[in-house]
Amino acid sequence: ARSVTELADRLEKEHGRLDVLVNNAGHFRGATAV
């Protein structure tokens, strides 16, 4: 949460807006259902 808030604050100060957000970060770990 702190990392997300710090980036939001930085974008506010440096750009004042955001035009495109690509939520690409992802995680995979293989395991059977059981």
PDB file of all heavy atoms in Angstrom:
ATOM      1  N   ALA A   1       0.820  -1.214   0.000  1.00  0.00           N
ATOM      2  CA  ALA A   1       0.000   0.000   0.000  1.00  0.00           C
ATOM      3  C   ALA A   1       0.853   1.262   0.000  1.00  0.00           C
ATOM      4  O   ALA A   1       0.526   2.242  -0.675  1.00  0.00           O
ATOM      5  CB  ALA A   1      -0.940  -0.007   1.209  1.00  0.00           C
ATOM      6  N   ARG A   2       1.945   1.242   0.739  1.00  0.00           N
ATOM      7  CA  ARG A   2       2.814   2.426   0.800  1.00  0.00           C
ATOM      8  C   ARG A   2       3.446   2.699  -0.558  1.00  0.00           C
ATOM      9  O   ARG A   2       3.521   3.857  -0.999  1.00  0.00           O
ATOM     10  CB  ARG A   2       3.898   2.225   1.852  1.00  0.00           C
ATOM     11  CG  ARG A   2       4.844   3.402   1.980  1.00  0.00           C
ATOM     12  CD  ARG A   2       5.825   3.199   3.123  1.00  0.00           C
ATOM     13  NE  ARG A   2       6.754   4.309   3.223  1.00  0.00           N
ATOM     14  CZ  ARG A   2       7.700   4.411   4.149  1.00  0.00           C
ATOM     15  NH1 ARG A   2       7.828   3.455   5.076  1.00  0.00           N
ATOM     16  NH2 ARG A   2       8.517   5.448   4.179  1.00  0.00           N
ATOM     17  N   SER A   3       3.891   1.646  -1.243  1.00  0.00           N
ATOM     18  CA  SER A   3       4.493   1.802  -2.560  1.00  0.00           C
ATOM     19  C   SER A   3       3.490   2.391  -3.546  1.00  0.00           C
ATOM     20  O   SER A   3       3.826   3.294  -4.328  1.00  0.00           O
ATOM     21  CB  SER A   3       4.986   0.439  -3.059  1.00  0.00           C
ATOM     22  OG  SER A   3       5.482   0.528  -4.377  1.00  0.00           O
ATOM     23  N   VAL A   4       2.259   1.913  -3.506  1.00  0.00           N
ATOM     24  CA  VAL A   4       1.215   2.422  -4.403  1.00  0.00           C
ATOM     25  C   VAL A   4       0.929   3.892  -4.113  1.00  0.00           C
ATOM     26  O   VAL A   4       0.841   4.719  -5.030  1.00  0.00           O
ATOM     27  CB  VAL A   4      -0.064   1.574  -4.267  1.00  0.00           C
ATOM     28  CG1 VAL A   4      -1.208   2.199  -5.058  1.00  0.00           C
ATOM     29  CG2 VAL A   4       0.185   0.139  -4.732  1.00  0.00           C
ATOM     30  N   THR A   5       0.813   4.240  -2.833  1.00  0.00           N
ATOM     31  CA  THR A   5       0.526   5.627  -2.449  1.00  0.00           C
ATOM     32  C   THR A   5       1.664   6.557  -2.846  1.00  0.00           C
ATOM     33  O   THR A   5       1.426   7.669  -3.344  1.00  0.00           O
ATOM     34  CB  THR A   5       0.289   5.712  -0.933  1.00  0.00           C
ATOM     35  OG1 THR A   5      -0.844   4.911  -0.583  1.00  0.00           O
ATOM     36  CG2 THR A   5       0.030   7.153  -0.503  1.00  0.00           C
ATOM     37  N   GLU A   6       2.894   6.109  -2.643  1.00  0.00           N
ATOM     38  CA  GLU A   6       4.052   6.948  -2.990  1.00  0.00           C
ATOM     39  C   GLU A   6       4.102   7.221  -4.491  1.00  0.00           C
ATOM     40  O   GLU A   6       4.411   8.335  -4.919  1.00  0.00           O
ATOM     41  CB  GLU A   6       5.341   6.282  -2.525  1.00  0.00           C
ATOM     42  CG  GLU A   6       5.526   6.320  -1.008  1.00  0.00           C
ATOM     43  CD  GLU A   6       6.784   5.615  -0.547  1.00  0.00           C
ATOM     44  OE1 GLU A   6       7.411   4.897  -1.373  1.00  0.00           O
ATOM     45  OE2 GLU A   6       7.150   5.761   0.637  1.00  0.00           O
ATOM     46  N   LEU A   7       3.769   6.221  -5.294  1.00  0.00           N
ATOM     47  CA  LEU A   7       3.776   6.454  -6.733  1.00  0.00           C
ATOM     48  C   LEU A   7       2.642   7.393  -7.135  1.00  0.00           C
ATOM     49  O   LEU A   7       2.829   8.279  -7.978  1.00  0.00           O
ATOM     50  CB  LEU A   7       3.658   5.139  -7.499  1.00  0.00           C
ATOM     51  CG  LEU A   7       3.644   5.295  -9.022  1.00  0.00           C
ATOM     52  CD1 LEU A   7       4.916   5.991  -9.511  1.00  0.00           C
ATOM     53  CD2 LEU A   7       3.474   3.956  -9.711  1.00  0.00           C
ATOM     54  N   ALA A   8       1.471   7.229  -6.538  1.00  0.00           N
ATOM     55  CA  ALA A   8       0.360   8.123  -6.833  1.00  0.00           C
ATOM     56  C   ALA A   8       0.734   9.568  -6.499  1.00  0.00           C
ATOM     57  O   ALA A   8       0.437  10.494  -7.274  1.00  0.00           O
ATOM     58  CB  ALA A   8      -0.880   7.696  -6.052  1.00  0.00           C
ATOM     59  N   ASP A   9       1.393   9.770  -5.365  1.00  0.00           N
ATOM     60  CA  ASP A   9       1.826  11.118  -4.972  1.00  0.00           C
ATOM     61  C   ASP A   9       2.843  11.679  -5.972  1.00  0.00           C
ATOM     62  O   ASP A   9       2.804  12.863  -6.321  1.00  0.00           O
ATOM     63  CB  ASP A   9       2.439  11.094  -3.574  1.00  0.00           C
ATOM     64  CG  ASP A   9       1.416  10.828  -2.489  1.00  0.00           C
ATOM     65  OD1 ASP A   9       0.205  10.973  -2.756  1.00  0.00           O
ATOM     66  OD2 ASP A   9       1.829  10.463  -1.363  1.00  0.00           O
ATOM     67  N   ARG A  10       3.740  10.812  -6.427  1.00  0.00           N
ATOM     68  CA  ARG A  10       4.756  11.260  -7.396  1.00  0.00           C
ATOM     69  C   ARG A  10       4.108  11.670  -8.706  1.00  0.00           C
ATOM     70  O   ARG A  10       4.455  12.716  -9.281  1.00  0.00           O
ATOM     71  CB  ARG A  10       5.774  10.143  -7.631  1.00  0.00           C
ATOM     72  CG  ARG A  10       6.787  10.467  -8.714  1.00  0.00           C
ATOM     73  CD  ARG A  10       7.835   9.380  -8.875  1.00  0.00           C
ATOM     74  NE  ARG A  10       8.689   9.652 -10.021  1.00  0.00           N
ATOM     75  CZ  ARG A  10       9.745   8.923 -10.357  1.00  0.00           C
ATOM     76  NH1 ARG A  10      10.082   7.864  -9.622  1.00  0.00           N
ATOM     77  NH2 ARG A  10      10.476   9.233 -11.426  1.00  0.00           N
ATOM     78  N   LEU A  11       3.162  10.878  -9.177  1.00  0.00           N
ATOM     79  CA  LEU A  11       2.479  11.213 -10.427  1.00  0.00           C
ATOM     80  C   LEU A  11       1.698  12.511 -10.295  1.00  0.00           C
ATOM     81  O   LEU A  11       1.640  13.327 -11.227  1.00  0.00           O
ATOM     82  CB  LEU A  11       1.550  10.079 -10.840  1.00  0.00           C
ATOM     83  CG  LEU A  11       2.215   8.773 -11.274  1.00  0.00           C
ATOM     84  CD1 LEU A  11       1.163   7.734 -11.623  1.00  0.00           C
ATOM     85  CD2 LEU A  11       3.132   9.002 -12.448  1.00  0.00           C
ATOM     86  N   GLU A  12       1.095  12.710  -9.142  1.00  0.00           N
ATOM     87  CA  GLU A  12       0.350  13.945  -8.887  1.00  0.00           C
ATOM     88  C   GLU A  12       1.281  15.156  -8.997  1.00  0.00           C
ATOM     89  O   GLU A  12       0.949  16.158  -9.655  1.00  0.00           O
ATOM     90  CB  GLU A  12      -0.276  13.889  -7.499  1.00  0.00           C
ATOM     91  CG  GLU A  12      -0.915  15.182  -7.023  1.00  0.00           C
ATOM     92  CD  GLU A  12      -2.168  15.538  -7.799  1.00  0.00           C
ATOM     93  OE1 GLU A  12      -3.010  14.642  -8.007  1.00  0.00           O
ATOM     94  OE2 GLU A  12      -2.283  16.711  -8.205  1.00  0.00           O
ATOM     95  N   LYS A  13       2.445  15.061  -8.378  1.00  0.00           N
ATOM     96  CA  LYS A  13       3.373  16.187  -8.355  1.00  0.00           C
ATOM     97  C   LYS A  13       4.024  16.417  -9.710  1.00  0.00           C
ATOM     98  O   LYS A  13       4.217  17.571 -10.128  1.00  0.00           O
ATOM     99  CB  LYS A  13       4.455  15.940  -7.299  1.00  0.00           C
ATOM    100  CG  LYS A  13       3.938  15.962  -5.870  1.00  0.00           C
ATOM    101  CD  LYS A  13       5.022  15.556  -4.884  1.00  0.00           C
ATOM    102  CE  LYS A  13       4.481  15.479  -3.469  1.00  0.00           C
ATOM    103  NZ  LYS A  13       5.506  14.973  -2.509  1.00  0.00           N
ATOM    104  N   GLU A  14       4.399  15.345 -10.402  1.00  0.00           N
ATOM    105  CA  GLU A  14       5.181  15.480 -11.624  1.00  0.00           C
ATOM    106  C   GLU A  14       4.331  15.646 -12.883  1.00  0.00           C
ATOM    107  O   GLU A  14       4.786  16.262 -13.855  1.00  0.00           O
ATOM    108  CB  GLU A  14       6.106  14.275 -11.793  1.00  0.00           C
ATOM    109  CG  GLU A  14       7.172  14.183 -10.699  1.00  0.00           C
ATOM    110  CD  GLU A  14       8.115  13.006 -10.907  1.00  0.00           C
ATOM    111  OE1 GLU A  14       7.956  12.268 -11.908  1.00  0.00           O
ATOM    112  OE2 GLU A  14       9.018  12.824 -10.069  1.00  0.00           O
ATOM    113  N   HIS A  15       3.119  15.099 -12.880  1.00  0.00           N
ATOM    114  CA  HIS A  15       2.322  15.109 -14.105  1.00  0.00           C
ATOM    115  C   HIS A  15       0.899  15.652 -13.915  1.00  0.00           C
ATOM    116  O   HIS A  15       0.328  16.202 -14.847  1.00  0.00           O
ATOM    117  CB  HIS A  15       2.249  13.698 -14.697  1.00  0.00           C
ATOM    118  CG  HIS A  15       3.596  13.112 -14.999  1.00  0.00           C
ATOM    119  ND1 HIS A  15       4.375  13.552 -16.032  1.00  0.00           N
ATOM    120  CD2 HIS A  15       4.298  12.117 -14.381  1.00  0.00           C
ATOM    121  CE1 HIS A  15       5.506  12.853 -16.064  1.00  0.00           C
ATOM    122  NE2 HIS A  15       5.484  11.979 -15.080  1.00  0.00           N
ATOM    123  N   GLY A  16       0.315  15.434 -12.762  1.00  0.00           N
ATOM    124  CA  GLY A  16      -1.023  15.955 -12.497  1.00  0.00           C
ATOM    125  C   GLY A  16      -2.149  15.186 -13.150  1.00  0.00           C
ATOM    126  O   GLY A  16      -3.324  15.531 -12.988  1.00  0.00           O
ATOM    127  N   ARG A  17      -1.809  14.137 -13.895  1.00  0.00           N
ATOM    128  CA  ARG A  17      -2.827  13.311 -14.534  1.00  0.00           C
ATOM    129  C   ARG A  17      -2.190  11.984 -14.942  1.00  0.00           C
ATOM    130  O   ARG A  17      -0.964  11.844 -14.934  1.00  0.00           O
ATOM    131  CB  ARG A  17      -3.408  13.990 -15.771  1.00  0.00           C
ATOM    132  CG  ARG A  17      -2.502  13.984 -16.982  1.00  0.00           C
ATOM    133  CD  ARG A  17      -3.149  14.573 -18.219  1.00  0.00           C
ATOM    134  NE  ARG A  17      -2.456  14.181 -19.434  1.00  0.00           N
ATOM    135  CZ  ARG A  17      -1.361  14.762 -19.914  1.00  0.00           C
ATOM    136  NH1 ARG A  17      -0.821  15.784 -19.270  1.00  0.00           N
ATOM    137  NH2 ARG A  17      -0.802  14.317 -21.038  1.00  0.00           N
ATOM    138  N   LEU A  18      -3.047  11.044 -15.329  1.00  0.00           N
ATOM    139  CA  LEU A  18      -2.581   9.789 -15.920  1.00  0.00           C
ATOM    140  C   LEU A  18      -3.526   9.464 -17.060  1.00  0.00           C
ATOM    141  O   LEU A  18      -4.745   9.492 -16.898  1.00  0.00           O
ATOM    142  CB  LEU A  18      -2.582   8.655 -14.885  1.00  0.00           C
ATOM    143  CG  LEU A  18      -2.107   7.288 -15.394  1.00  0.00           C
ATOM    144  CD1 LEU A  18      -0.630   7.344 -15.785  1.00  0.00           C
ATOM    145  CD2 LEU A  18      -2.330   6.208 -14.337  1.00  0.00           C
ATOM    146  N   ASP A  19      -2.966   9.156 -18.228  1.00  0.00           N
ATOM    147  CA  ASP A  19      -3.786   8.888 -19.408  1.00  0.00           C
ATOM    148  C   ASP A  19      -4.026   7.400 -19.643  1.00  0.00           C
ATOM    149  O   ASP A  19      -5.105   7.025 -20.111  1.00  0.00           O
ATOM    150  CB  ASP A  19      -3.134   9.502 -20.642  1.00  0.00           C
ATOM    151  CG  ASP A  19      -2.992  11.005 -20.518  1.00  0.00           C
ATOM    152  OD1 ASP A  19      -4.033  11.684 -20.416  1.00  0.00           O
ATOM    153  OD2 ASP A  19      -1.847  11.498 -20.495  1.00  0.00           O
ATOM    154  N   VAL A  20      -3.041   6.587 -19.341  1.00  0.00           N
ATOM    155  CA  VAL A  20      -3.166   5.150 -19.580  1.00  0.00           C
ATOM    156  C   VAL A  20      -2.572   4.387 -18.409  1.00  0.00           C
ATOM    157  O   VAL A  20      -1.441   4.665 -17.988  1.00  0.00           O
ATOM    158  CB  VAL A  20      -2.451   4.720 -20.882  1.00  0.00           C
ATOM    159  CG1 VAL A  20      -2.558   3.207 -21.069  1.00  0.00           C
ATOM    160  CG2 VAL A  20      -3.008   5.449 -22.083  1.00  0.00           C
ATOM    161  N   LEU A  21      -3.338   3.415 -17.907  1.00  0.00           N
ATOM    162  CA  LEU A  21      -2.846   2.485 -16.892  1.00  0.00           C
ATOM    163  C   LEU A  21      -2.938   1.081 -17.460  1.00  0.00           C
ATOM    164  O   LEU A  21      -4.030   0.627 -17.833  1.00  0.00           O
ATOM    165  CB  LEU A  21      -3.683   2.585 -15.610  1.00  0.00           C
ATOM    166  CG  LEU A  21      -3.447   1.475 -14.568  1.00  0.00           C
ATOM    167  CD1 LEU A  21      -2.012   1.482 -14.070  1.00  0.00           C
ATOM    168  CD2 LEU A  21      -4.434   1.621 -13.405  1.00  0.00           C
ATOM    169  N   VAL A  22      -1.811   0.394 -17.528  1.00  0.00           N
ATOM    170  CA  VAL A  22      -1.781  -1.005 -17.948  1.00  0.00           C
ATOM    171  C   VAL A  22      -1.435  -1.842 -16.721  1.00  0.00           C
ATOM    172  O   VAL A  22      -0.297  -1.830 -16.245  1.00  0.00           O
ATOM    173  CB  VAL A  22      -0.760  -1.245 -19.073  1.00  0.00           C
ATOM    174  CG1 VAL A  22      -0.763  -2.728 -19.473  1.00  0.00           C
ATOM    175  CG2 VAL A  22      -1.066  -0.372 -20.287  1.00  0.00           C
ATOM    176  N   ASN A  23      -2.436  -2.533 -16.195  1.00  0.00           N
ATOM    177  CA  ASN A  23      -2.238  -3.411 -15.031  1.00  0.00           C
ATOM    178  C   ASN A  23      -1.690  -4.751 -15.521  1.00  0.00           C
ATOM    179  O   ASN A  23      -2.431  -5.698 -15.773  1.00  0.00           O
ATOM    180  CB  ASN A  23      -3.563  -3.618 -14.291  1.00  0.00           C
ATOM    181  CG  ASN A  23      -3.875  -2.495 -13.335  1.00  0.00           C
ATOM    182  OD1 ASN A  23      -3.005  -2.020 -12.606  1.00  0.00           O
ATOM    183  ND2 ASN A  23      -5.119  -2.040 -13.335  1.00  0.00           N
ATOM    184  N   ASN A  24      -0.365  -4.797 -15.659  1.00  0.00           N
ATOM    185  CA  ASN A  24       0.290  -5.968 -16.221  1.00  0.00           C
ATOM    186  C   ASN A  24       0.934  -6.862 -15.167  1.00  0.00           C
ATOM    187  O   ASN A  24       1.098  -8.068 -15.406  1.00  0.00           O
ATOM    188  CB  ASN A  24       1.349  -5.516 -17.234  1.00  0.00           C
ATOM    189  CG  ASN A  24       2.234  -6.650 -17.677  1.00  0.00           C
ATOM    190  OD1 ASN A  24       1.834  -7.508 -18.457  1.00  0.00           O
ATOM    191  ND2 ASN A  24       3.466  -6.678 -17.165  1.00  0.00           N
ATOM    192  N   ALA A  25       1.311  -6.306 -14.021  1.00  0.00           N
ATOM    193  CA  ALA A  25       2.009  -7.104 -13.007  1.00  0.00           C
ATOM    194  C   ALA A  25       1.195  -8.346 -12.663  1.00  0.00           C
ATOM    195  O   ALA A  25      -0.006  -8.258 -12.398  1.00  0.00           O
ATOM    196  CB  ALA A  25       2.244  -6.266 -11.753  1.00  0.00           C
ATOM    197  N   GLY A  26       1.847  -9.487 -12.703  1.00  0.00           N
ATOM    198  CA  GLY A  26       1.132 -10.732 -12.439  1.00  0.00           C
ATOM    199  C   GLY A  26       2.039 -11.782 -11.841  1.00  0.00           C
ATOM    200  O   GLY A  26       3.274 -11.682 -11.893  1.00  0.00           O
ATOM    201  N   HIS A  27       1.402 -12.809 -11.279  1.00  0.00           N
ATOM    202  CA  HIS A  27       2.152 -13.870 -10.617  1.00  0.00           C
ATOM    203  C   HIS A  27       1.521 -15.208 -10.965  1.00  0.00           C
ATOM    204  O   HIS A  27       0.293 -15.329 -11.050  1.00  0.00           O
ATOM    205  CB  HIS A  27       2.110 -13.645  -9.098  1.00  0.00           C
ATOM    206  CG  HIS A  27       2.860 -14.661  -8.302  1.00  0.00           C
ATOM    207  ND1 HIS A  27       4.119 -15.116  -8.644  1.00  0.00           N
ATOM    208  CD2 HIS A  27       2.533 -15.319  -7.153  1.00  0.00           C
ATOM    209  CE1 HIS A  27       4.527 -16.002  -7.746  1.00  0.00           C
ATOM    210  NE2 HIS A  27       3.580 -16.150  -6.852  1.00  0.00           N
ATOM    211  N   PHE A  28       2.379 -16.193 -11.212  1.00  0.00           N
ATOM    212  CA  PHE A  28       1.912 -17.553 -11.492  1.00  0.00           C
ATOM    213  C   PHE A  28       2.745 -18.541 -10.693  1.00  0.00           C
ATOM    214  O   PHE A  28       3.966 -18.422 -10.621  1.00  0.00           O
ATOM    215  CB  PHE A  28       2.049 -17.879 -12.984  1.00  0.00           C
ATOM    216  CG  PHE A  28       1.735 -19.323 -13.311  1.00  0.00           C
ATOM    217  CD1 PHE A  28       0.425 -19.720 -13.507  1.00  0.00           C
ATOM    218  CD2 PHE A  28       2.741 -20.274 -13.393  1.00  0.00           C
ATOM    219  CE1 PHE A  28       0.123 -21.047 -13.792  1.00  0.00           C
ATOM    220  CE2 PHE A  28       2.451 -21.597 -13.679  1.00  0.00           C
ATOM    221  CZ  PHE A  28       1.133 -21.988 -13.878  1.00  0.00           C
ATOM    222  N   ARG A  29       2.052 -19.500 -10.071  1.00  0.00           N
ATOM    223  CA  ARG A  29       2.731 -20.632  -9.454  1.00  0.00           C
ATOM    224  C   ARG A  29       1.895 -21.864  -9.711  1.00  0.00           C
ATOM    225  O   ARG A  29       0.737 -21.928  -9.304  1.00  0.00           O
ATOM    226  CB  ARG A  29       2.914 -20.409  -7.954  1.00  0.00           C
ATOM    227  CG  ARG A  29       4.163 -21.114  -7.435  1.00  0.00           C
ATOM    228  CD  ARG A  29       4.582 -20.620  -6.081  1.00  0.00           C
ATOM    229  NE  ARG A  29       3.907 -21.363  -5.030  1.00  0.00           N
ATOM    230  CZ  ARG A  29       3.551 -20.863  -3.873  1.00  0.00           C
ATOM    231  NH1 ARG A  29       3.751 -19.595  -3.626  1.00  0.00           N
ATOM    232  NH2 ARG A  29       2.960 -21.603  -2.969  1.00  0.00           N
ATOM    233  N   GLY A  30       2.463 -22.795 -10.439  1.00  0.00           N
ATOM    234  CA  GLY A  30       1.714 -23.979 -10.823  1.00  0.00           C
ATOM    235  C   GLY A  30       1.486 -24.934  -9.667  1.00  0.00           C
ATOM    236  O   GLY A  30       2.394 -25.208  -8.885  1.00  0.00           O
ATOM    237  N   ALA A  31       0.271 -25.425  -9.561  1.00  0.00           N
ATOM    238  CA  ALA A  31      -0.084 -26.452  -8.569  1.00  0.00           C
ATOM    239  C   ALA A  31      -1.405 -27.063  -8.999  1.00  0.00           C
ATOM    240  O   ALA A  31      -2.281 -26.364  -9.518  1.00  0.00           O
ATOM    241  CB  ALA A  31      -0.208 -25.862  -7.165  1.00  0.00           C
ATOM    242  N   THR A  32      -1.555 -28.348  -8.783  1.00  0.00           N
ATOM    243  CA  THR A  32      -2.821 -28.988  -9.108  1.00  0.00           C
ATOM    244  C   THR A  32      -3.910 -28.468  -8.176  1.00  0.00           C
ATOM    245  O   THR A  32      -3.617 -27.878  -7.126  1.00  0.00           O
ATOM    246  CB  THR A  32      -2.723 -30.507  -8.963  1.00  0.00           C
ATOM    247  OG1 THR A  32      -2.502 -30.828  -7.578  1.00  0.00           O
ATOM    248  CG2 THR A  32      -1.583 -31.077  -9.806  1.00  0.00           C
ATOM    249  N   ALA A  33      -5.155 -28.717  -8.561  1.00  0.00           N
ATOM    250  CA  ALA A  33      -6.272 -28.259  -7.734  1.00  0.00           C
ATOM    251  C   ALA A  33      -6.181 -28.845  -6.327  1.00  0.00           C
ATOM    252  O   ALA A  33      -6.392 -28.135  -5.333  1.00  0.00           O
ATOM    253  CB  ALA A  33      -7.598 -28.641  -8.389  1.00  0.00           C
ATOM    254  N   VAL A  34      -5.856 -30.121  -6.219  1.00  0.00           N
ATOM    255  CA  VAL A  34      -5.826 -30.750  -4.892  1.00  0.00           C
ATOM    256  C   VAL A  34      -4.638 -30.284  -4.075  1.00  0.00           C
ATOM    257  O   VAL A  34      -4.642 -30.399  -2.832  1.00  0.00           O
ATOM    258  CB  VAL A  34      -5.824 -32.289  -5.005  1.00  0.00           C
ATOM    259  CG1 VAL A  34      -7.126 -32.785  -5.615  1.00  0.00           C
ATOM    260  CG2 VAL A  34      -4.629 -32.794  -5.802  1.00  0.00           C
TER     261      VAL A  34
END
